[in-house]
């Protein structure tokens, strides 16, 4: 029967090994996914808010309806 150890550090073949490496990698991956999702939501909100402005207000800030998507999201390559 195997025994699973939940120590932070352990020794394998005389070398010190840090436990939790896979957990740290997955949290890094999850962190990147969460950051991208947050950024997407922020940009979506900005686009929606600009879309709700009337044409005169958009002209005051130097935009027209056709510019909103490009100004929020950038070029397709940057998306």
N, C-alpha and C. Protein backbone atom coordinates (compact mmCIF):
# COMPACT_ATOMS: atom_id res chain seq x y z
N UNK A 1 0.85 -1.18 0.00
CA UNK A 1 0.00 0.00 0.00
C UNK A 1 0.89 1.24 0.00
N UNK A 2 0.55 2.24 -0.83
CA UNK A 2 1.31 3.47 -0.92
C UNK A 2 0.82 4.47 0.10
N UNK A 3 1.74 5.29 0.55
CA UNK A 3 1.39 6.37 1.46
C UNK A 3 1.71 7.68 0.75
N UNK A 4 0.74 8.57 0.69
CA UNK A 4 0.94 9.86 0.04
C UNK A 4 1.29 10.87 1.10
N UNK A 5 2.35 11.60 0.87
CA UNK A 5 2.82 12.61 1.81
C UNK A 5 2.46 13.99 1.29
N UNK A 6 2.03 14.86 2.17
CA UNK A 6 1.67 16.23 1.80
C UNK A 6 2.65 17.24 2.36
N UNK A 7 3.90 16.84 2.45
CA UNK A 7 4.93 17.75 2.94
C UNK A 7 5.24 18.80 1.88
N UNK A 8 5.74 19.94 2.34
CA UNK A 8 6.13 20.98 1.38
C UNK A 8 7.46 20.64 0.71
N UNK A 9 8.41 20.14 1.44
CA UNK A 9 9.71 19.75 0.90
C UNK A 9 9.96 18.30 1.26
N UNK A 10 10.66 17.60 0.38
CA UNK A 10 11.03 16.22 0.69
C UNK A 10 12.30 15.89 -0.06
N UNK A 11 12.91 14.78 0.29
CA UNK A 11 14.14 14.37 -0.34
C UNK A 11 13.90 13.14 -1.18
N UNK A 12 14.34 13.18 -2.45
CA UNK A 12 14.24 12.04 -3.34
C UNK A 12 15.63 11.79 -3.89
N UNK A 13 16.16 10.59 -3.66
CA UNK A 13 17.51 10.21 -4.10
C UNK A 13 18.56 11.23 -3.66
N UNK A 14 18.40 11.73 -2.44
CA UNK A 14 19.38 12.65 -1.89
C UNK A 14 19.23 14.10 -2.34
N UNK A 15 18.26 14.36 -3.20
CA UNK A 15 18.04 15.73 -3.67
C UNK A 15 16.75 16.26 -3.06
N UNK A 16 16.75 17.53 -2.74
CA UNK A 16 15.57 18.16 -2.18
C UNK A 16 14.58 18.48 -3.29
N UNK A 17 13.35 18.08 -3.09
CA UNK A 17 12.30 18.30 -4.09
C UNK A 17 11.19 19.09 -3.43
N UNK A 18 10.74 20.12 -4.10
CA UNK A 18 9.66 20.96 -3.58
C UNK A 18 8.34 20.38 -4.06
N UNK A 19 7.46 20.07 -3.13
CA UNK A 19 6.15 19.54 -3.48
C UNK A 19 5.26 20.68 -3.96
N UNK A 20 4.25 20.34 -4.73
CA UNK A 20 3.28 21.33 -5.17
C UNK A 20 3.63 21.99 -6.48
N UNK A 21 4.61 21.49 -7.19
CA UNK A 21 4.99 22.09 -8.46
C UNK A 21 3.86 22.10 -9.47
N UNK A 22 3.14 20.99 -9.56
CA UNK A 22 2.01 20.92 -10.49
C UNK A 22 0.91 21.88 -10.08
N UNK A 23 0.70 22.02 -8.78
CA UNK A 23 -0.32 22.94 -8.31
C UNK A 23 0.04 24.38 -8.64
N UNK A 24 1.32 24.72 -8.50
CA UNK A 24 1.76 26.06 -8.83
C UNK A 24 1.62 26.33 -10.32
N UNK A 25 1.94 25.33 -11.14
CA UNK A 25 1.82 25.50 -12.59
C UNK A 25 0.37 25.69 -13.00
N UNK A 26 -0.51 24.91 -12.39
CA UNK A 26 -1.92 25.05 -12.76
C UNK A 26 -2.49 26.37 -12.28
N UNK A 27 -2.04 26.86 -11.13
CA UNK A 27 -2.54 28.15 -10.67
C UNK A 27 -2.02 29.27 -11.57
N UNK A 28 -0.83 29.12 -12.12
CA UNK A 28 -0.31 30.09 -13.08
C UNK A 28 -1.14 30.09 -14.35
N UNK A 29 -1.47 28.89 -14.82
CA UNK A 29 -2.31 28.75 -16.01
C UNK A 29 -3.70 29.32 -15.73
N UNK A 30 -4.26 28.95 -14.59
CA UNK A 30 -5.59 29.44 -14.22
C UNK A 30 -5.57 30.96 -14.06
N UNK A 31 -4.48 31.48 -13.51
CA UNK A 31 -4.35 32.93 -13.35
C UNK A 31 -4.35 33.65 -14.68
N UNK A 32 -3.65 33.06 -15.66
CA UNK A 32 -3.63 33.67 -17.00
C UNK A 32 -5.01 33.62 -17.65
N UNK A 33 -5.71 32.51 -17.48
CA UNK A 33 -7.06 32.39 -18.04
C UNK A 33 -7.99 33.41 -17.38
N UNK A 34 -7.90 33.53 -16.06
CA UNK A 34 -8.75 34.49 -15.35
C UNK A 34 -8.44 35.92 -15.77
N UNK A 35 -7.15 36.23 -15.95
CA UNK A 35 -6.77 37.58 -16.38
C UNK A 35 -7.32 37.88 -17.78
N UNK A 36 -7.26 36.89 -18.67
CA UNK A 36 -7.80 37.10 -20.02
C UNK A 36 -9.30 37.28 -20.00
N UNK A 37 -9.98 36.48 -19.15
CA UNK A 37 -11.43 36.60 -19.04
C UNK A 37 -11.81 37.96 -18.48
N UNK A 38 -11.06 38.43 -17.49
CA UNK A 38 -11.32 39.74 -16.89
C UNK A 38 -11.12 40.84 -17.93
N UNK A 39 -10.05 40.75 -18.70
CA UNK A 39 -9.76 41.74 -19.74
C UNK A 39 -10.87 41.74 -20.80
N UNK A 40 -11.32 40.56 -21.19
CA UNK A 40 -12.40 40.45 -22.17
C UNK A 40 -13.66 41.13 -21.64
N UNK A 41 -14.00 40.87 -20.38
CA UNK A 41 -15.20 41.48 -19.80
C UNK A 41 -15.08 43.00 -19.73
N UNK A 42 -13.87 43.49 -19.38
CA UNK A 42 -13.65 44.94 -19.32
C UNK A 42 -13.83 45.58 -20.70
N UNK A 43 -13.24 44.96 -21.72
CA UNK A 43 -13.34 45.52 -23.07
C UNK A 43 -14.77 45.43 -23.60
N UNK A 44 -15.45 44.33 -23.29
CA UNK A 44 -16.85 44.19 -23.71
C UNK A 44 -17.71 45.28 -23.08
N UNK A 45 -17.45 45.56 -21.82
CA UNK A 45 -18.21 46.60 -21.13
C UNK A 45 -17.94 47.97 -21.75
N UNK A 46 -16.67 48.25 -22.04
CA UNK A 46 -16.31 49.53 -22.66
C UNK A 46 -17.00 49.68 -24.01
N UNK A 47 -17.00 48.61 -24.81
CA UNK A 47 -17.66 48.66 -26.12
C UNK A 47 -19.16 48.90 -25.95
N UNK A 48 -19.77 48.21 -25.02
CA UNK A 48 -21.21 48.36 -24.78
C UNK A 48 -21.55 49.79 -24.34
N UNK A 49 -20.71 50.36 -23.44
CA UNK A 49 -20.96 51.72 -22.96
C UNK A 49 -20.79 52.75 -24.08
N UNK A 50 -19.77 52.59 -24.91
CA UNK A 50 -19.59 53.51 -26.03
C UNK A 50 -20.73 53.37 -27.04
N UNK A 51 -21.19 52.15 -27.23
CA UNK A 51 -22.31 51.91 -28.14
C UNK A 51 -23.58 52.61 -27.69
N UNK A 52 -23.73 52.83 -26.41
CA UNK A 52 -24.92 53.47 -25.87
C UNK A 52 -24.91 54.99 -26.01
N UNK A 53 -23.75 55.57 -26.31
CA UNK A 53 -23.67 57.02 -26.49
C UNK A 53 -24.30 57.42 -27.81
N UNK A 54 -24.87 58.62 -27.84
CA UNK A 54 -25.43 59.09 -29.11
C UNK A 54 -24.30 59.62 -30.00
N UNK A 55 -24.61 59.82 -31.27
CA UNK A 55 -23.60 60.21 -32.26
C UNK A 55 -22.91 61.53 -31.92
N UNK A 56 -23.66 62.45 -31.34
CA UNK A 56 -23.08 63.75 -30.98
C UNK A 56 -22.02 63.60 -29.89
N UNK A 57 -22.31 62.80 -28.88
CA UNK A 57 -21.31 62.58 -27.82
C UNK A 57 -20.08 61.85 -28.36
N UNK A 58 -20.30 60.88 -29.24
CA UNK A 58 -19.17 60.19 -29.85
C UNK A 58 -18.31 61.17 -30.65
N UNK A 59 -18.95 62.07 -31.39
CA UNK A 59 -18.21 63.08 -32.16
C UNK A 59 -17.42 63.99 -31.23
N UNK A 60 -17.97 64.29 -30.06
CA UNK A 60 -17.26 65.14 -29.09
C UNK A 60 -15.95 64.51 -28.63
N UNK A 61 -15.92 63.19 -28.57
CA UNK A 61 -14.67 62.53 -28.14
C UNK A 61 -13.86 62.02 -29.33
N UNK A 62 -14.29 62.42 -30.53
CA UNK A 62 -13.51 62.12 -31.73
C UNK A 62 -13.75 60.75 -32.32
N UNK A 63 -14.90 60.16 -32.05
CA UNK A 63 -15.22 58.84 -32.60
C UNK A 63 -16.50 58.88 -33.41
N UNK A 64 -16.66 57.90 -34.27
CA UNK A 64 -17.96 57.65 -34.88
C UNK A 64 -18.30 56.18 -34.62
N UNK A 65 -19.51 55.78 -34.94
CA UNK A 65 -19.95 54.41 -34.62
C UNK A 65 -19.01 53.35 -35.18
N UNK A 66 -18.52 53.58 -36.37
CA UNK A 66 -17.63 52.61 -37.00
C UNK A 66 -16.28 52.45 -36.31
N UNK A 67 -15.90 53.43 -35.51
CA UNK A 67 -14.60 53.38 -34.83
C UNK A 67 -14.64 52.63 -33.51
N UNK A 68 -15.80 52.44 -32.94
CA UNK A 68 -15.90 51.90 -31.58
C UNK A 68 -15.19 50.56 -31.45
N UNK A 69 -15.53 49.62 -32.30
CA UNK A 69 -14.95 48.27 -32.19
C UNK A 69 -13.42 48.32 -32.33
N UNK A 70 -12.94 49.05 -33.32
CA UNK A 70 -11.49 49.14 -33.55
C UNK A 70 -10.78 49.81 -32.39
N UNK A 71 -11.38 50.86 -31.83
CA UNK A 71 -10.74 51.58 -30.74
C UNK A 71 -10.72 50.76 -29.45
N UNK A 72 -11.74 49.97 -29.23
CA UNK A 72 -11.80 49.14 -28.01
C UNK A 72 -10.92 47.91 -28.14
N UNK A 73 -11.07 47.17 -29.24
CA UNK A 73 -10.41 45.88 -29.39
C UNK A 73 -9.08 45.96 -30.13
N UNK A 74 -8.82 47.06 -30.83
CA UNK A 74 -7.62 47.16 -31.63
C UNK A 74 -7.80 46.41 -32.94
N UNK A 75 -6.72 46.17 -33.65
CA UNK A 75 -6.80 45.45 -34.92
C UNK A 75 -7.05 43.97 -34.62
N UNK A 76 -7.45 43.24 -35.62
CA UNK A 76 -7.73 41.80 -35.44
C UNK A 76 -6.49 41.05 -34.95
N UNK A 77 -5.31 41.47 -35.38
CA UNK A 77 -4.09 40.80 -34.96
C UNK A 77 -3.82 40.96 -33.48
N UNK A 78 -4.25 42.08 -32.90
CA UNK A 78 -4.02 42.34 -31.48
C UNK A 78 -5.02 41.65 -30.59
N UNK A 79 -6.11 41.21 -31.12
CA UNK A 79 -7.15 40.55 -30.36
C UNK A 79 -6.70 39.23 -29.93
